[in-house]
C-alpha atoms as a PDB file:
ATOM      1  CA  MET A   1      -0.467 -16.268   8.975  1.00  0.00           C
ATOM      2  CA  ASP A   2       1.904 -13.583   9.775  1.00  0.00           C
ATOM      3  CA  MET A   3       2.794 -10.645   7.480  1.00  0.00           C
ATOM      4  CA  GLU A   4       6.233  -9.466   6.331  1.00  0.00           C
ATOM      5  CA  ILE A   5       7.234  -5.763   5.323  1.00  0.00           C
ATOM      6  CA  THR A   6      10.239  -5.075   3.275  1.00  0.00           C
ATOM      7  CA  VAL A   7      11.241  -1.368   2.322  1.00  0.00           C
ATOM      8  CA  LYS A   8      13.580  -0.541  -0.285  1.00  0.00           C
ATOM      9  CA  GLN A   9      14.553   2.637  -1.835  1.00  0.00           C
ATOM     10  CA  ALA A  10      14.940   3.295  -5.783  1.00  0.00           C
ATOM     11  CA  ASP A  11      15.513   6.775  -6.731  1.00  0.00           C
ATOM     12  CA  LYS A  12      12.693   8.957  -5.803  1.00  0.00           C
ATOM     13  CA  VAL A  13      10.179   6.049  -5.218  1.00  0.00           C
ATOM     14  CA  THR A  14      10.215   4.044  -1.954  1.00  0.00           C
ATOM     15  CA  LEU A  15       9.147   0.467  -2.638  1.00  0.00           C
ATOM     16  CA  VAL A  16       7.163  -1.344   0.208  1.00  0.00           C
ATOM     17  CA  ILE A  17       6.844  -5.238  -0.181  1.00  0.00           C
ATOM     18  CA  THR A  18       4.121  -6.742   2.014  1.00  0.00           C
ATOM     19  CA  CYS A  19       3.826 -10.523   2.185  1.00  0.00           C
ATOM     20  CA  GLY A  20       1.099 -12.591   3.882  1.00  0.00           C
ATOM     21  CA  PHE A  21      -2.264 -11.458   5.508  1.00  0.00           C
ATOM     22  CA  ILE A  22      -3.214  -8.045   6.425  1.00  0.00           C
ATOM     23  CA  ASP A  23      -6.056  -8.565   9.043  1.00  0.00           C
ATOM     24  CA  GLY A  24      -7.019  -7.914  12.214  1.00  0.00           C
ATOM     25  CA  LYS A  25      -3.580  -9.168  13.871  1.00  0.00           C
ATOM     26  CA  THR A  26      -1.138  -7.573  11.636  1.00  0.00           C
ATOM     27  CA  ALA A  27      -3.023  -4.347  10.244  1.00  0.00           C
ATOM     28  CA  PRO A  28      -1.899  -2.237  13.513  1.00  0.00           C
ATOM     29  CA  ALA A  29       1.640  -3.103  12.491  1.00  0.00           C
ATOM     30  CA  PHE A  30       1.032  -2.480   8.429  1.00  0.00           C
ATOM     31  CA  GLN A  31      -0.583   1.066   9.493  1.00  0.00           C
ATOM     32  CA  THR A  32       2.361   1.810  11.730  1.00  0.00           C
ATOM     33  CA  LYS A  33       5.019   0.857   9.208  1.00  0.00           C
ATOM     34  CA  MET A  34       3.214   2.748   6.295  1.00  0.00           C
ATOM     35  CA  LEU A  35       2.786   5.812   8.541  1.00  0.00           C
ATOM     36  CA  GLU A  36       6.521   5.565   9.243  1.00  0.00           C
ATOM     37  CA  VAL A  37       7.600   5.275   5.638  1.00  0.00           C
ATOM     38  CA  LEU A  38       5.275   8.271   4.921  1.00  0.00           C
ATOM     39  CA  CYS A  39       7.417  10.408   7.280  1.00  0.00           C
ATOM     40  CA  GLU A  40      10.698   9.608   5.138  1.00  0.00           C
ATOM     41  CA  ALA A  41       9.201   9.352   1.684  1.00  0.00           C
ATOM     42  CA  ASP A  42       7.126  11.333  -0.666  1.00  0.00           C
ATOM     43  CA  ILE A  43       6.647   8.630  -3.228  1.00  0.00           C
ATOM     44  CA  VAL A  44       5.560   5.164  -2.149  1.00  0.00           C
ATOM     45  CA  LEU A  45       4.635   2.393  -4.115  1.00  0.00           C
ATOM     46  CA  LEU A  46       3.003  -0.570  -2.353  1.00  0.00           C
ATOM     47  CA  ASP A  47       3.515  -3.963  -3.797  1.00  0.00           C
ATOM     48  CA  LEU A  48       0.741  -6.099  -2.712  1.00  0.00           C
ATOM     49  CA  SER A  49       1.389  -9.112  -4.954  1.00  0.00           C
ATOM     50  CA  GLN A  50       2.259 -11.398  -2.215  1.00  0.00           C
ATOM     51  CA  VAL A  51      -0.447 -10.219   0.188  1.00  0.00           C
ATOM     52  CA  SER A  52      -2.873 -13.292   0.229  1.00  0.00           C
ATOM     53  CA  PHE A  53      -5.536 -12.016   2.388  1.00  0.00           C
ATOM     54  CA  MET A  54      -6.851  -8.373   3.358  1.00  0.00           C
ATOM     55  CA  SER A  55      -9.645  -7.929   6.040  1.00  0.00           C
ATOM     56  CA  SER A  56     -11.536  -5.088   6.889  1.00  0.00           C
ATOM     57  CA  ALA A  57      -8.895  -4.171   9.306  1.00  0.00           C
ATOM     58  CA  GLY A  58      -6.420  -4.070   6.503  1.00  0.00           C
ATOM     59  CA  LEU A  59      -8.803  -1.915   4.526  1.00  0.00           C
ATOM     60  CA  ARG A  60      -8.904   0.469   7.306  1.00  0.00           C
ATOM     61  CA  ALA A  61      -5.041   0.555   7.425  1.00  0.00           C
ATOM     62  CA  MET A  62      -5.033   1.573   3.892  1.00  0.00           C
ATOM     63  CA  LEU A  63      -7.782   4.111   4.530  1.00  0.00           C
ATOM     64  CA  VAL A  64      -5.394   5.828   7.253  1.00  0.00           C
ATOM     65  CA  THR A  65      -2.442   5.690   4.918  1.00  0.00           C
ATOM     66  CA  HIS A  66      -4.461   7.359   2.181  1.00  0.00           C
ATOM     67  CA  GLN A  67      -5.465  10.184   4.796  1.00  0.00           C
ATOM     68  CA  GLN A  68      -1.976  10.648   5.653  1.00  0.00           C
ATOM     69  CA  THR A  69      -1.288  11.662   1.970  1.00  0.00           C
ATOM     70  CA  GLN A  70      -4.143  14.282   2.212  1.00  0.00           C
ATOM     71  CA  GLN A  71      -2.550  16.377   4.962  1.00  0.00           C
ATOM     72  CA  GLY A  72      -1.427  19.071   3.004  1.00  0.00           C
ATOM     73  CA  GLN A  73       1.826  17.464   2.206  1.00  0.00           C
ATOM     74  CA  SER A  74       2.559  16.284  -1.185  1.00  0.00           C
ATOM     75  CA  LYS A  75       2.824  12.493  -0.682  1.00  0.00           C
ATOM     76  CA  THR A  76       1.828   9.754  -3.198  1.00  0.00           C
ATOM     77  CA  VAL A  77       0.776   6.093  -2.078  1.00  0.00           C
ATOM     78  CA  ALA A  78       0.450   4.081  -5.355  1.00  0.00           C
ATOM     79  CA  LEU A  79      -0.571   0.195  -5.226  1.00  0.00           C
ATOM     80  CA  ALA A  80       1.055  -2.310  -7.500  1.00  0.00           C
ATOM     81  CA  ALA A  81       0.405  -5.836  -8.446  1.00  0.00           C
ATOM     82  CA  LEU A  82      -2.857  -6.320  -6.534  1.00  0.00           C
ATOM     83  CA  PRO A  83      -4.357  -9.742  -6.481  1.00  0.00           C
ATOM     84  CA  ASP A  84      -7.698  -9.984  -7.831  1.00  0.00           C
ATOM     85  CA  GLY A  85      -9.623 -10.622  -4.573  1.00  0.00           C
ATOM     86  CA  ILE A  86      -8.219  -7.490  -2.849  1.00  0.00           C
ATOM     87  CA  ARG A  87      -8.577  -5.401  -6.111  1.00  0.00           C
ATOM     88  CA  ASP A  88     -12.214  -6.511  -6.122  1.00  0.00           C
ATOM     89  CA  ASN A  89     -12.627  -6.031  -2.491  1.00  0.00           C
ATOM     90  CA  MET A  90     -11.060  -2.351  -2.617  1.00  0.00           C
ATOM     91  CA  GLU A  91     -13.310  -1.673  -5.674  1.00  0.00           C
ATOM     92  CA  ALA A  92     -16.553  -2.938  -4.091  1.00  0.00           C
ATOM     93  CA  THR A  93     -15.912  -0.623  -0.982  1.00  0.00           C
ATOM     94  CA  GLY A  94     -14.792   2.437  -2.734  1.00  0.00           C
ATOM     95  CA  PHE A  95     -11.238   2.532  -1.872  1.00  0.00           C
ATOM     96  CA  LEU A  96      -9.546   1.628  -5.177  1.00  0.00           C
ATOM     97  CA  PRO A  97      -9.907   5.174  -6.536  1.00  0.00           C
ATOM     98  CA  PHE A  98      -8.195   6.820  -3.443  1.00  0.00           C
ATOM     99  CA  PHE A  99      -4.754   5.108  -5.040  1.00  0.00           C
ATOM    100  CA  GLN A 100      -2.987   5.175  -8.484  1.00  0.00           C
ATOM    101  CA  VAL A 101      -3.016   1.395  -9.113  1.00  0.00           C
ATOM    102  CA  PHE A 102      -0.406  -0.249 -11.554  1.00  0.00           C
ATOM    103  CA  ASP A 103      -0.658  -3.951 -12.925  1.00  0.00           C
ATOM    104  CA  THR A 104       3.121  -4.357 -12.068  1.00  0.00           C
ATOM    105  CA  VAL A 105       5.761  -3.049 -10.069  1.00  0.00           C
ATOM    106  CA  GLU A 106       7.785  -2.241 -12.997  1.00  0.00           C
ATOM    107  CA  ALA A 107       4.889  -0.087 -14.412  1.00  0.00           C
ATOM    108  CA  GLY A 108       4.675   1.522 -10.809  1.00  0.00           C
ATOM    109  CA  PHE A 109       8.290   2.550 -11.152  1.00  0.00           C
ATOM    110  CA  GLN A 110       7.595   4.093 -14.816  1.00  0.00           C
ATOM    111  CA  GLY A 111       4.634   5.546 -13.762  1.00  0.00           C
ATOM    112  CA  LEU A 112       6.052   7.346 -10.698  1.00  0.00           C
ATOM    113  CA  GLY A 113       9.544   8.004 -11.744  1.00  0.00           C
END
């Protein structure tokens, strides 16, 4: 399955909606897009509600995204609407604490805005 990314601006928060699989095939494009978004935006909310699978390559892309926020610039990447399986994997691998996590996109906008 392929991946689709949509970026929307809402006041101070840039919403990145990702659909499909983030795996070895699509993770490089996901990582590139996230780094591009972080060049332009200070606050990013990543909606993962429509991501049906994330492999270790996807987790690595998430780690690179997190590392980009730690480069001395005040950048924030928060996650919203994580499917249970992805939440469990990120928790098990220790990646979840790297991000603010919101149950819904709406909660993310309220928490970040």
